[in-house]
Amino acid sequence: MAMKGARLPGRRRILVVANPIAGSCRRSRLDAIVDRLRMLGCSVDLHETTARGDAERAVAAVDAAAFDVIAAAGGDGTFNEVLNGLPEGGPPLAVIPLGTANVLAREIALPRSIEGIAETLAFGPCRRVSIGEANGRRFIMMASVGFDAIVVDHVDLELKRRIGKLAYLIETLKQYALAAPSIYHLRMAGREHGAGGVVIANGHFYGGSFVTSPTADLEKPCLDICRLTRSGRLALSRYLASLLLGRLAARADVRIDEATDLEILGPEGAPLQADGDVLCRLPAKIRILPAAVDLVFPAGRPDRRISW
């Protein structure tokens, strides 16, 4: 699909919304990508955020006619903020991966190199993708309730800033020691279900290179609902092991359905995380917004198993 209102390739007007980058390596990488974009003939405006929610507010205030692409520079949480700030009919979105997991970059097989990222932003084709919505808040890759959402809810953000993915591992071990059986109640296609956890997959990948539903894809007009039917520490151990081995979907106690909407009713107040941050708390109404956003892809979209 042609990019709406796009200028000539290599002449795109790009707004880069950047989360402040910890460490000179990531900052120099961002600067190198911006320099490369300008060498390719793009005009680039850089907006650096100052607080949580600033990316969303900045994008919401943008004159949609002033830019051909809005690029989120940071992690999946930064992209989520940009996505939620994007006005109706706004310009296509792109990603400059500088965060902890970079799941969206993996999903679209974005090149790792500075040159490859810049060339994708400057020349890459735009494709329509579906997005999810929970209680009016958008998400691009996935949402979930259960153990992983509890980990996200409790992770030390300062520790995450300093040591990245290891902060999640530390919090996972803490929450595993505290884990107790909990049942989540959901309503889907007129039926009610109980589950020890639920993953709502809009994309193929989850938390990095892991996969909960092999058939999930950004361009599908529906969500893949992965229900972990058992609860408790023993069941959690088995689910985690299966996820690490790439066999979660093959388990007999895992159910995967396609749906355009569902409700997760409780436990009331439990966190729902999406794209790596807590998006809302239960109860939640979740739906797919099919073909809702334009996203810049690498030319040809090579194998998604690219190593990030």
C-alpha atoms as a PDB file:
ATOM      1  CA  MET A   1       0.000   0.000   0.000  1.00  0.00           C
ATOM      2  CA  ALA A   2       1.342   3.405  -0.885  1.00  0.00           C
ATOM      3  CA  MET A   3       2.174   5.736   1.962  1.00  0.00           C
ATOM      4  CA  LYS A   4      -0.498   8.383   2.426  1.00  0.00           C
ATOM      5  CA  GLY A   5       0.805  11.814   1.556  1.00  0.00           C
ATOM      6  CA  ALA A   6       4.412  10.615   1.364  1.00  0.00           C
ATOM      7  CA  ARG A   7       6.977  12.683  -0.454  1.00  0.00           C
ATOM      8  CA  LEU A   8       9.572  11.292  -2.834  1.00  0.00           C
ATOM      9  CA  PRO A   9      11.634   8.378  -1.400  1.00  0.00           C
ATOM     10  CA  GLY A  10      14.599   9.737   0.507  1.00  0.00           C
ATOM     11  CA  ARG A  11      12.859  13.119   0.943  1.00  0.00           C
ATOM     12  CA  ARG A  12      10.598  12.142   3.797  1.00  0.00           C
ATOM     13  CA  ARG A  13       9.973  14.565   6.614  1.00  0.00           C
ATOM     14  CA  ILE A  14      10.505  12.547   9.772  1.00  0.00           C
ATOM     15  CA  LEU A  15       9.688  13.384  13.376  1.00  0.00           C
ATOM     16  CA  VAL A  16      11.784  11.279  15.753  1.00  0.00           C
ATOM     17  CA  VAL A  17      10.253  11.049  19.225  1.00  0.00           C
ATOM     18  CA  ALA A  18      13.038   9.753  21.461  1.00  0.00           C
ATOM     19  CA  ASN A  19      12.967   8.434  24.987  1.00  0.00           C
ATOM     20  CA  PRO A  20      16.053   9.758  26.865  1.00  0.00           C
ATOM     21  CA  ILE A  21      18.710   7.127  26.264  1.00  0.00           C
ATOM     22  CA  ALA A  22      20.806   5.874  29.164  1.00  0.00           C
ATOM     23  CA  GLY A  23      24.454   5.362  28.243  1.00  0.00           C
ATOM     24  CA  SER A  24      26.647   6.901  25.584  1.00  0.00           C
ATOM     25  CA  CYS A  25      26.408   3.854  23.281  1.00  0.00           C
ATOM     26  CA  ARG A  26      22.655   4.133  22.729  1.00  0.00           C
ATOM     27  CA  ARG A  27      22.801   7.896  22.452  1.00  0.00           C
ATOM     28  CA  SER A  28      25.551   7.714  19.851  1.00  0.00           C
ATOM     29  CA  ARG A  29      23.528   5.104  17.956  1.00  0.00           C
ATOM     30  CA  LEU A  30      20.505   7.417  17.838  1.00  0.00           C
ATOM     31  CA  ASP A  31      22.666  10.323  16.676  1.00  0.00           C
ATOM     32  CA  ALA A  32      24.221   8.128  13.965  1.00  0.00           C
ATOM     33  CA  ILE A  33      20.784   7.077  12.677  1.00  0.00           C
ATOM     34  CA  VAL A  34      19.602  10.686  12.557  1.00  0.00           C
ATOM     35  CA  ASP A  35      22.797  11.713  10.727  1.00  0.00           C
ATOM     36  CA  ARG A  36      22.343   8.885   8.237  1.00  0.00           C
ATOM     37  CA  LEU A  37      18.727   9.893   7.584  1.00  0.00           C
ATOM     38  CA  ARG A  38      19.852  13.416   6.760  1.00  0.00           C
ATOM     39  CA  MET A  39      22.549  12.049   4.443  1.00  0.00           C
ATOM     40  CA  LEU A  40      19.799  10.144   2.639  1.00  0.00           C
ATOM     41  CA  GLY A  41      17.957  13.411   2.015  1.00  0.00           C
ATOM     42  CA  CYS A  42      15.373  13.255   4.807  1.00  0.00           C
ATOM     43  CA  SER A  43      14.535  16.225   6.980  1.00  0.00           C
ATOM     44  CA  VAL A  44      14.535  15.180  10.636  1.00  0.00           C
ATOM     45  CA  ASP A  45      13.073  16.878  13.696  1.00  0.00           C
ATOM     46  CA  LEU A  46      14.088  15.352  17.037  1.00  0.00           C
ATOM     47  CA  HIS A  47      11.826  15.580  20.080  1.00  0.00           C
ATOM     48  CA  GLU A  48      13.248  14.137  23.310  1.00  0.00           C
ATOM     49  CA  THR A  49      10.753  13.200  25.994  1.00  0.00           C
ATOM     50  CA  THR A  50      11.117  14.423  29.555  1.00  0.00           C
ATOM     51  CA  ALA A  51       8.639  12.234  31.458  1.00  0.00           C
ATOM     52  CA  ARG A  52       6.322   9.249  31.107  1.00  0.00           C
ATOM     53  CA  GLY A  53       3.442  10.218  28.807  1.00  0.00           C
ATOM     54  CA  ASP A  54       5.393  13.005  27.108  1.00  0.00           C
ATOM     55  CA  ALA A  55       5.731  11.049  23.842  1.00  0.00           C
ATOM     56  CA  GLU A  56       1.964  10.581  23.668  1.00  0.00           C
ATOM     57  CA  ARG A  57       1.297  14.261  24.354  1.00  0.00           C
ATOM     58  CA  ALA A  58       3.903  15.387  21.824  1.00  0.00           C
ATOM     59  CA  VAL A  59       2.486  13.225  19.020  1.00  0.00           C
ATOM     60  CA  ALA A  60      -1.091  14.248  19.816  1.00  0.00           C
ATOM     61  CA  ALA A  61      -0.075  17.899  19.315  1.00  0.00           C
ATOM     62  CA  VAL A  62       1.715  17.320  15.982  1.00  0.00           C
ATOM     63  CA  ASP A  63       0.437  18.889  12.781  1.00  0.00           C
ATOM     64  CA  ALA A  64      -0.269  15.707  10.813  1.00  0.00           C
ATOM     65  CA  ALA A  65       0.478  17.499   7.532  1.00  0.00           C
ATOM     66  CA  ALA A  66       3.956  18.524   8.661  1.00  0.00           C
ATOM     67  CA  PHE A  67       5.521  15.043   8.630  1.00  0.00           C
ATOM     68  CA  ASP A  68       5.526  11.971   6.423  1.00  0.00           C
ATOM     69  CA  VAL A  69       6.665   9.601   9.203  1.00  0.00           C
ATOM     70  CA  ILE A  70       6.701   9.643  12.993  1.00  0.00           C
ATOM     71  CA  ALA A  71       9.442   7.401  14.380  1.00  0.00           C
ATOM     72  CA  ALA A  72       9.518   6.182  17.978  1.00  0.00           C
ATOM     73  CA  ALA A  73      13.114   5.890  19.210  1.00  0.00           C
ATOM     74  CA  GLY A  74      13.337   3.775  22.340  1.00  0.00           C
ATOM     75  CA  GLY A  75      11.691   0.550  23.438  1.00  0.00           C
ATOM     76  CA  ASP A  76       8.275  -0.961  22.847  1.00  0.00           C
ATOM     77  CA  GLY A  77       6.849   1.264  25.591  1.00  0.00           C
ATOM     78  CA  THR A  78       7.945   4.375  23.708  1.00  0.00           C
ATOM     79  CA  PHE A  79       6.259   3.088  20.552  1.00  0.00           C
ATOM     80  CA  ASN A  80       3.115   2.385  22.577  1.00  0.00           C
ATOM     81  CA  GLU A  81       3.024   6.008  23.764  1.00  0.00           C
ATOM     82  CA  VAL A  82       3.477   7.280  20.215  1.00  0.00           C
ATOM     83  CA  LEU A  83       0.743   4.922  19.015  1.00  0.00           C
ATOM     84  CA  ASN A  84      -1.669   6.220  21.650  1.00  0.00           C
ATOM     85  CA  GLY A  85      -0.912   9.829  20.751  1.00  0.00           C
ATOM     86  CA  LEU A  86      -1.378   9.352  17.009  1.00  0.00           C
ATOM     87  CA  PRO A  87      -4.439  11.315  15.814  1.00  0.00           C
ATOM     88  CA  GLU A  88      -6.988   9.915  13.390  1.00  0.00           C
ATOM     89  CA  GLY A  89      -5.502  10.061   9.896  1.00  0.00           C
ATOM     90  CA  GLY A  90      -2.040  10.773  11.280  1.00  0.00           C
ATOM     91  CA  PRO A  91       1.158   9.945   9.395  1.00  0.00           C
ATOM     92  CA  PRO A  92       2.684   6.458   9.247  1.00  0.00           C
ATOM     93  CA  LEU A  93       4.680   5.203  12.212  1.00  0.00           C
ATOM     94  CA  ALA A  94       8.178   3.738  12.311  1.00  0.00           C
ATOM     95  CA  VAL A  95      10.436   2.308  14.981  1.00  0.00           C
ATOM     96  CA  ILE A  96      14.051   3.025  15.925  1.00  0.00           C
ATOM     97  CA  PRO A  97      14.835   0.238  18.415  1.00  0.00           C
ATOM     98  CA  LEU A  98      16.892   1.370  21.395  1.00  0.00           C
ATOM     99  CA  GLY A  99      15.012  -0.310  24.241  1.00  0.00           C
ATOM    100  CA  THR A 100      15.103  -3.460  26.344  1.00  0.00           C
ATOM    101  CA  ALA A 101      13.227  -6.026  24.227  1.00  0.00           C
ATOM    102  CA  ASN A 102      12.476  -4.350  20.848  1.00  0.00           C
ATOM    103  CA  VAL A 103       9.749  -6.887  20.058  1.00  0.00           C
ATOM    104  CA  LEU A 104       8.169  -4.800  17.295  1.00  0.00           C
ATOM    105  CA  ALA A 105      11.530  -4.428  15.527  1.00  0.00           C
ATOM    106  CA  ARG A 106      11.876  -8.209  15.582  1.00  0.00           C
ATOM    107  CA  GLU A 107       8.315  -8.656  14.351  1.00  0.00           C
ATOM    108  CA  ILE A 108       8.864  -6.624  11.183  1.00  0.00           C
ATOM    109  CA  ALA A 109      12.431  -7.957  10.718  1.00  0.00           C
ATOM    110  CA  LEU A 110      13.957  -4.503  10.933  1.00  0.00           C
ATOM    111  CA  PRO A 111      17.688  -4.596  10.140  1.00  0.00           C
ATOM    112  CA  ARG A 112      20.000  -4.183  13.112  1.00  0.00           C
ATOM    113  CA  SER A 113      22.518  -1.927  11.414  1.00  0.00           C
ATOM    114  CA  ILE A 114      22.415   1.867  11.559  1.00  0.00           C
ATOM    115  CA  GLU A 115      22.362   1.960   7.762  1.00  0.00           C
ATOM    116  CA  GLY A 116      19.548  -0.607   7.530  1.00  0.00           C
ATOM    117  CA  ILE A 117      17.352   1.207  10.047  1.00  0.00           C
ATOM    118  CA  ALA A 118      17.883   4.576   8.348  1.00  0.00           C
ATOM    119  CA  GLU A 119      17.209   3.171   4.890  1.00  0.00           C
ATOM    120  CA  THR A 120      13.992   1.561   6.139  1.00  0.00           C
ATOM    121  CA  LEU A 121      12.765   4.902   7.493  1.00  0.00           C
ATOM    122  CA  ALA A 122      13.820   6.722   4.323  1.00  0.00           C
ATOM    123  CA  PHE A 123      12.676   4.234   1.680  1.00  0.00           C
ATOM    124  CA  GLY A 124      10.658   1.442   3.341  1.00  0.00           C
ATOM    125  CA  PRO A 125       7.123   0.690   2.157  1.00  0.00           C
ATOM    126  CA  CYS A 126       4.142   1.433   4.345  1.00  0.00           C
ATOM    127  CA  ARG A 127       1.687  -1.325   5.207  1.00  0.00           C
ATOM    128  CA  ARG A 128      -1.584  -1.240   7.071  1.00  0.00           C
ATOM    129  CA  VAL A 129      -1.553  -3.143  10.375  1.00  0.00           C
ATOM    130  CA  SER A 130      -4.201  -3.934  12.935  1.00  0.00           C
ATOM    131  CA  ILE A 131      -3.861  -2.794  16.519  1.00  0.00           C
ATOM    132  CA  GLY A 132      -5.453  -3.858  19.766  1.00  0.00           C
ATOM    133  CA  GLU A 133      -7.352  -1.670  22.198  1.00  0.00           C
ATOM    134  CA  ALA A 134      -8.011  -2.253  25.909  1.00  0.00           C
ATOM    135  CA  ASN A 135     -10.329   0.153  27.725  1.00  0.00           C
ATOM    136  CA  GLY A 136      -9.664   2.722  25.007  1.00  0.00           C
ATOM    137  CA  ARG A 137      -5.858   2.380  25.159  1.00  0.00           C
ATOM    138  CA  ARG A 138      -4.053   0.997  22.121  1.00  0.00           C
ATOM    139  CA  PHE A 139      -1.370  -1.675  21.871  1.00  0.00           C
ATOM    140  CA  ILE A 140       0.588  -3.008  18.924  1.00  0.00           C
ATOM    141  CA  MET A 141       2.121  -6.389  19.852  1.00  0.00           C
ATOM    142  CA  MET A 142       0.325  -8.006  22.751  1.00  0.00           C
ATOM    143  CA  ALA A 143      -1.502  -7.618  26.039  1.00  0.00           C
ATOM    144  CA  SER A 144      -1.789 -10.031  28.936  1.00  0.00           C
ATOM    145  CA  VAL A 145      -3.035 -10.702  32.429  1.00  0.00           C
ATOM    146  CA  GLY A 146      -1.471 -13.128  34.868  1.00  0.00           C
ATOM    147  CA  PHE A 147       2.050 -13.749  36.070  1.00  0.00           C
ATOM    148  CA  ASP A 148       3.827 -11.687  33.396  1.00  0.00           C
ATOM    149  CA  ALA A 149       1.578  -8.671  34.002  1.00  0.00           C
ATOM    150  CA  ILE A 150       2.307  -8.914  37.738  1.00  0.00           C
ATOM    151  CA  VAL A 151       6.047  -8.937  36.982  1.00  0.00           C
ATOM    152  CA  VAL A 152       5.698  -5.859  34.763  1.00  0.00           C
ATOM    153  CA  ASP A 153       3.620  -4.136  37.439  1.00  0.00           C
ATOM    154  CA  HIS A 154       6.326  -4.636  40.077  1.00  0.00           C
ATOM    155  CA  VAL A 155       9.588  -4.330  38.111  1.00  0.00           C
ATOM    156  CA  ASP A 156      11.965  -1.690  39.464  1.00  0.00           C
ATOM    157  CA  LEU A 157      12.101   0.942  36.697  1.00  0.00           C
ATOM    158  CA  GLU A 158      15.374   2.429  37.932  1.00  0.00           C
ATOM    159  CA  LEU A 159      16.927  -1.029  37.953  1.00  0.00           C
ATOM    160  CA  LYS A 160      15.529  -1.630  34.452  1.00  0.00           C
ATOM    161  CA  ARG A 161      17.164   1.596  33.269  1.00  0.00           C
ATOM    162  CA  ARG A 162      20.534   0.426  34.606  1.00  0.00           C
ATOM    163  CA  ILE A 163      20.597  -3.294  33.768  1.00  0.00           C
ATOM    164  CA  GLY A 164      17.860  -3.778  31.129  1.00  0.00           C
ATOM    165  CA  LYS A 165      16.415  -7.283  30.753  1.00  0.00           C
ATOM    166  CA  LEU A 166      18.052  -8.536  33.947  1.00  0.00           C
ATOM    167  CA  ALA A 167      15.599  -6.400  35.927  1.00  0.00           C
ATOM    168  CA  TYR A 168      12.769  -8.548  34.570  1.00  0.00           C
ATOM    169  CA  LEU A 169      14.603 -11.739  35.481  1.00  0.00           C
ATOM    170  CA  ILE A 170      15.111 -10.523  39.044  1.00  0.00           C
ATOM    171  CA  GLU A 171      11.449  -9.562  39.383  1.00  0.00           C
ATOM    172  CA  THR A 172      10.358 -12.859  37.798  1.00  0.00           C
ATOM    173  CA  LEU A 173      12.226 -14.784  40.495  1.00  0.00           C
ATOM    174  CA  LYS A 174      10.717 -12.598  43.225  1.00  0.00           C
ATOM    175  CA  GLN A 175       7.175 -13.023  41.941  1.00  0.00           C
ATOM    176  CA  TYR A 176       7.654 -16.750  41.360  1.00  0.00           C
ATOM    177  CA  ALA A 177       8.473 -17.132  45.059  1.00  0.00           C
ATOM    178  CA  LEU A 178       5.241 -15.295  45.905  1.00  0.00           C
ATOM    179  CA  ALA A 179       3.057 -16.942  43.249  1.00  0.00           C
ATOM    180  CA  ALA A 180      -0.350 -18.170  44.388  1.00  0.00           C
ATOM    181  CA  PRO A 181      -3.219 -19.672  42.379  1.00  0.00           C
ATOM    182  CA  SER A 182      -5.360 -17.013  40.721  1.00  0.00           C
ATOM    183  CA  ILE A 183      -8.192 -17.380  38.226  1.00  0.00           C
ATOM    184  CA  TYR A 184      -8.950 -14.747  35.575  1.00  0.00           C
ATOM    185  CA  HIS A 185     -12.516 -14.581  34.331  1.00  0.00           C
ATOM    186  CA  LEU A 186     -13.152 -13.711  30.699  1.00  0.00           C
ATOM    187  CA  ARG A 187     -16.096 -13.524  28.348  1.00  0.00           C
ATOM    188  CA  MET A 188     -15.565 -14.282  24.669  1.00  0.00           C
ATOM    189  CA  ALA A 189     -18.028 -15.106  21.869  1.00  0.00           C
ATOM    190  CA  GLY A 190     -20.868 -15.256  24.373  1.00  0.00           C
ATOM    191  CA  ARG A 191     -19.135 -17.786  26.623  1.00  0.00           C
ATOM    192  CA  GLU A 192     -17.361 -17.387  29.945  1.00  0.00           C
ATOM    193  CA  HIS A 193     -14.013 -18.982  30.733  1.00  0.00           C
ATOM    194  CA  GLY A 194     -11.579 -19.192  33.606  1.00  0.00           C
ATOM    195  CA  ALA A 195      -7.825 -19.172  33.129  1.00  0.00           C
ATOM    196  CA  GLY A 196      -4.606 -18.959  35.111  1.00  0.00           C
ATOM    197  CA  GLY A 197      -3.411 -16.335  32.647  1.00  0.00           C
ATOM    198  CA  VAL A 198      -4.310 -14.886  29.264  1.00  0.00           C
ATOM    199  CA  VAL A 199      -2.126 -13.547  26.446  1.00  0.00           C
ATOM    200  CA  ILE A 200      -3.826 -11.478  23.744  1.00  0.00           C
ATOM    201  CA  ALA A 201      -1.448 -11.710  20.788  1.00  0.00           C
ATOM    202  CA  ASN A 202      -1.604  -9.237  17.911  1.00  0.00           C
ATOM    203  CA  GLY A 203       1.907 -10.085  16.713  1.00  0.00           C
ATOM    204  CA  HIS A 204       3.957 -13.239  16.411  1.00  0.00           C
ATOM    205  CA  PHE A 205       6.560 -12.514  19.095  1.00  0.00           C
ATOM    206  CA  TYR A 206       6.205 -12.090  22.840  1.00  0.00           C
ATOM    207  CA  GLY A 207       8.759 -10.638  25.277  1.00  0.00           C
ATOM    208  CA  GLY A 208      11.598 -10.904  22.754  1.00  0.00           C
ATOM    209  CA  SER A 209      12.011 -14.078  20.718  1.00  0.00           C
ATOM    210  CA  PHE A 210       9.288 -16.094  22.485  1.00  0.00           C
ATOM    211  CA  VAL A 211       6.047 -17.138  20.787  1.00  0.00           C
ATOM    212  CA  THR A 212       2.665 -17.695  22.437  1.00  0.00           C
ATOM    213  CA  SER A 213       0.579 -18.092  19.292  1.00  0.00           C
ATOM    214  CA  PRO A 214       2.388 -19.085  16.071  1.00  0.00           C
ATOM    215  CA  THR A 215      -0.428 -17.766  13.857  1.00  0.00           C
ATOM    216  CA  ALA A 216      -0.640 -14.250  15.310  1.00  0.00           C
ATOM    217  CA  ASP A 217       0.229 -11.538  12.787  1.00  0.00           C
ATOM    218  CA  LEU A 218      -0.019  -7.750  12.682  1.00  0.00           C
ATOM    219  CA  GLU A 219      -1.951  -7.833   9.429  1.00  0.00           C
ATOM    220  CA  LYS A 220      -4.702 -10.200  10.622  1.00  0.00           C
ATOM    221  CA  PRO A 221      -8.125  -8.655  11.344  1.00  0.00           C
ATOM    222  CA  CYS A 222      -8.390 -10.488  14.668  1.00  0.00           C
ATOM    223  CA  LEU A 223      -6.521 -11.199  17.896  1.00  0.00           C
ATOM    224  CA  ASP A 224      -5.168 -14.579  18.979  1.00  0.00           C
ATOM    225  CA  ILE A 225      -6.322 -15.323  22.530  1.00  0.00           C
ATOM    226  CA  CYS A 226      -3.986 -17.703  24.347  1.00  0.00           C
ATOM    227  CA  ARG A 227      -5.552 -19.084  27.551  1.00  0.00           C
ATOM    228  CA  LEU A 228      -3.396 -20.846  30.123  1.00  0.00           C
ATOM    229  CA  THR A 229      -6.103 -22.977  31.676  1.00  0.00           C
ATOM    230  CA  ARG A 230      -4.262 -24.054  34.846  1.00  0.00           C
ATOM    231  CA  SER A 231      -3.161 -21.978  37.806  1.00  0.00           C
ATOM    232  CA  GLY A 232      -0.593 -22.311  40.580  1.00  0.00           C
ATOM    233  CA  ARG A 233       3.192 -22.510  40.848  1.00  0.00           C
ATOM    234  CA  LEU A 234       3.554 -25.994  39.320  1.00  0.00           C
ATOM    235  CA  ALA A 235       1.480 -25.027  36.279  1.00  0.00           C
ATOM    236  CA  LEU A 236       3.414 -21.766  36.005  1.00  0.00           C
ATOM    237  CA  SER A 237       6.720 -23.694  36.000  1.00  0.00           C
ATOM    238  CA  ARG A 238       5.504 -25.884  33.161  1.00  0.00           C
ATOM    239  CA  TYR A 239       4.228 -22.932  31.138  1.00  0.00           C
ATOM    240  CA  LEU A 240       7.504 -21.042  31.541  1.00  0.00           C
ATOM    241  CA  ALA A 241       9.521 -24.098  30.508  1.00  0.00           C
ATOM    242  CA  SER A 242       7.315 -24.658  27.456  1.00  0.00           C
ATOM    243  CA  LEU A 243       7.603 -20.985  26.481  1.00  0.00           C
ATOM    244  CA  LEU A 244      11.402 -21.140  26.673  1.00  0.00           C
ATOM    245  CA  LEU A 245      11.400 -24.298  24.540  1.00  0.00           C
ATOM    246  CA  GLY A 246       9.030 -22.797  21.951  1.00  0.00           C
ATOM    247  CA  ARG A 247       6.289 -25.345  22.698  1.00  0.00           C
ATOM    248  CA  LEU A 248       3.719 -23.380  24.677  1.00  0.00           C
ATOM    249  CA  ALA A 249       1.028 -23.537  21.974  1.00  0.00           C
ATOM    250  CA  ALA A 250       1.425 -27.337  21.753  1.00  0.00           C
ATOM    251  CA  ARG A 251       0.414 -27.949  25.364  1.00  0.00           C
ATOM    252  CA  ALA A 252      -2.923 -29.687  25.970  1.00  0.00           C
ATOM    253  CA  ASP A 253      -3.760 -27.212  28.752  1.00  0.00           C
ATOM    254  CA  VAL A 254      -3.301 -24.164  26.485  1.00  0.00           C
ATOM    255  CA  ARG A 255      -6.216 -22.986  24.352  1.00  0.00           C
ATOM    256  CA  ILE A 256      -5.801 -20.568  21.436  1.00  0.00           C
ATOM    257  CA  ASP A 257      -8.814 -18.900  19.831  1.00  0.00           C
ATOM    258  CA  GLU A 258      -9.259 -16.050  17.370  1.00  0.00           C
ATOM    259  CA  ALA A 259     -11.508 -13.191  18.430  1.00  0.00           C
ATOM    260  CA  THR A 260     -12.293  -9.623  17.466  1.00  0.00           C
ATOM    261  CA  ASP A 261     -13.290  -8.683  21.008  1.00  0.00           C
ATOM    262  CA  LEU A 262     -13.438 -10.035  24.558  1.00  0.00           C
ATOM    263  CA  GLU A 263     -13.825  -8.949  28.158  1.00  0.00           C
ATOM    264  CA  ILE A 264     -11.583  -9.864  31.075  1.00  0.00           C
ATOM    265  CA  LEU A 265     -13.780  -9.320  34.100  1.00  0.00           C
ATOM    266  CA  GLY A 266     -11.479  -9.951  37.027  1.00  0.00           C
ATOM    267  CA  PRO A 267      -9.985 -10.232  39.531  1.00  0.00           C
ATOM    268  CA  GLU A 268     -10.917  -6.568  39.763  1.00  0.00           C
ATOM    269  CA  GLY A 269      -7.893  -4.277  39.919  1.00  0.00           C
ATOM    270  CA  ALA A 270      -5.439  -6.845  38.529  1.00  0.00           C
ATOM    271  CA  PRO A 271      -2.945  -5.335  36.058  1.00  0.00           C
ATOM    272  CA  LEU A 272      -3.212  -5.749  32.302  1.00  0.00           C
ATOM    273  CA  GLN A 273       0.128  -5.138  30.636  1.00  0.00           C
ATOM    274  CA  ALA A 274       0.574  -4.311  26.976  1.00  0.00           C
ATOM    275  CA  ASP A 275       3.780  -3.786  25.012  1.00  0.00           C
ATOM    276  CA  GLY A 276       5.758  -4.118  28.250  1.00  0.00           C
ATOM    277  CA  ASP A 277       3.949  -1.584  30.447  1.00  0.00           C
ATOM    278  CA  VAL A 278       0.794  -1.682  32.556  1.00  0.00           C
ATOM    279  CA  LEU A 279      -1.917  -0.316  30.266  1.00  0.00           C
ATOM    280  CA  CYS A 280      -4.956  -0.558  32.548  1.00  0.00           C
ATOM    281  CA  ARG A 281      -6.497  -2.613  35.338  1.00  0.00           C
ATOM    282  CA  LEU A 282      -9.330  -5.096  35.257  1.00  0.00           C
ATOM    283  CA  PRO A 283     -12.091  -5.244  34.259  1.00  0.00           C
ATOM    284  CA  ALA A 284     -11.100  -4.599  30.650  1.00  0.00           C
ATOM    285  CA  LYS A 285     -12.861  -4.575  27.299  1.00  0.00           C
ATOM    286  CA  ILE A 286     -10.466  -5.547  24.519  1.00  0.00           C
ATOM    287  CA  ARG A 287     -10.984  -5.375  20.775  1.00  0.00           C
ATOM    288  CA  ILE A 288      -9.117  -5.385  17.485  1.00  0.00           C
ATOM    289  CA  LEU A 289      -8.980  -2.279  15.310  1.00  0.00           C
ATOM    290  CA  PRO A 290      -8.347  -3.850  11.895  1.00  0.00           C
ATOM    291  CA  ALA A 291      -6.093  -2.116   9.350  1.00  0.00           C
ATOM    292  CA  ALA A 292      -5.991   0.914  11.628  1.00  0.00           C
ATOM    293  CA  VAL A 293      -2.438   2.263  11.349  1.00  0.00           C
ATOM    294  CA  ASP A 294       0.216   2.641   8.654  1.00  0.00           C
ATOM    295  CA  LEU A 295       3.584   1.169   9.653  1.00  0.00           C
ATOM    296  CA  VAL A 296       6.888   1.496   7.798  1.00  0.00           C
ATOM    297  CA  PHE A 297       8.381  -1.920   7.013  1.00  0.00           C
ATOM    298  CA  PRO A 298      11.770  -2.914   5.618  1.00  0.00           C
ATOM    299  CA  ALA A 299      11.671  -3.527   1.880  1.00  0.00           C
ATOM    300  CA  GLY A 300      10.717  -7.140   1.215  1.00  0.00           C
ATOM    301  CA  ARG A 301      10.079  -7.988   4.892  1.00  0.00           C
ATOM    302  CA  PRO A 302      12.704 -10.741   5.242  1.00  0.00           C
ATOM    303  CA  ASP A 303      12.516 -13.706   7.641  1.00  0.00           C
ATOM    304  CA  ARG A 304      11.224 -12.586  11.053  1.00  0.00           C
ATOM    305  CA  ARG A 305      13.758 -14.828  12.782  1.00  0.00           C
ATOM    306  CA  ILE A 306      16.336 -12.067  12.456  1.00  0.00           C
ATOM    307  CA  SER A 307      18.365 -11.949  15.664  1.00  0.00           C
ATOM    308  CA  TRP A 308      17.634  -9.019  17.918  1.00  0.00           C
END
